[in-house]
């Protein structure tokens, strides 16, 4: 949980809420100046869960509010797979999480770990697809960034050191 933020999750948060349920968010229009979600949107079905949620988020955002989203970047992952057979991504994950392991699976299996995450991922995004989802929901001025830019604007968030696999997008 981040101090000074309204933390939303299914359980054990400031506000327990299932954001995938499609119900209208319980806040009035113009309630928020900043919304941030890191590695969450890929767990929602694009048409039936994410687009309705983004439209709801747009409704509760104040004019000129900023939304930050991050998720696995299919473009980076595919480039790594084609160029390096995911060895670079695998080695970075091992550096970030020394106890993490895929057991005896070959390193090429790492792409499946990123795409599936044990069956939890429902979507994979590149910048163009995520931009389309945001534009379809009413957001504008959509731009691609890195984690350093995200953290410079939102320093309360802990670093993930995941630019090798992540897409960071800012919209208004």
Foldseek 3Di string as FASTA:
>chain_A
DFPPDQDEDCDDGNHHDDQQPLDADPAAFQQDQEAEDEADLQLHALPRGLLSSLLNVNRNHHVNRKYKYKHFAPVLLVVCCVPPLCPVVVVVVCVLPVVDDPPPDDNNCVSVCRCQVPPRGNDHDHQVVVVVSNVSSPWDPKDWDAVVVVCVVVVSDDDPPPRSTMIMMMTD
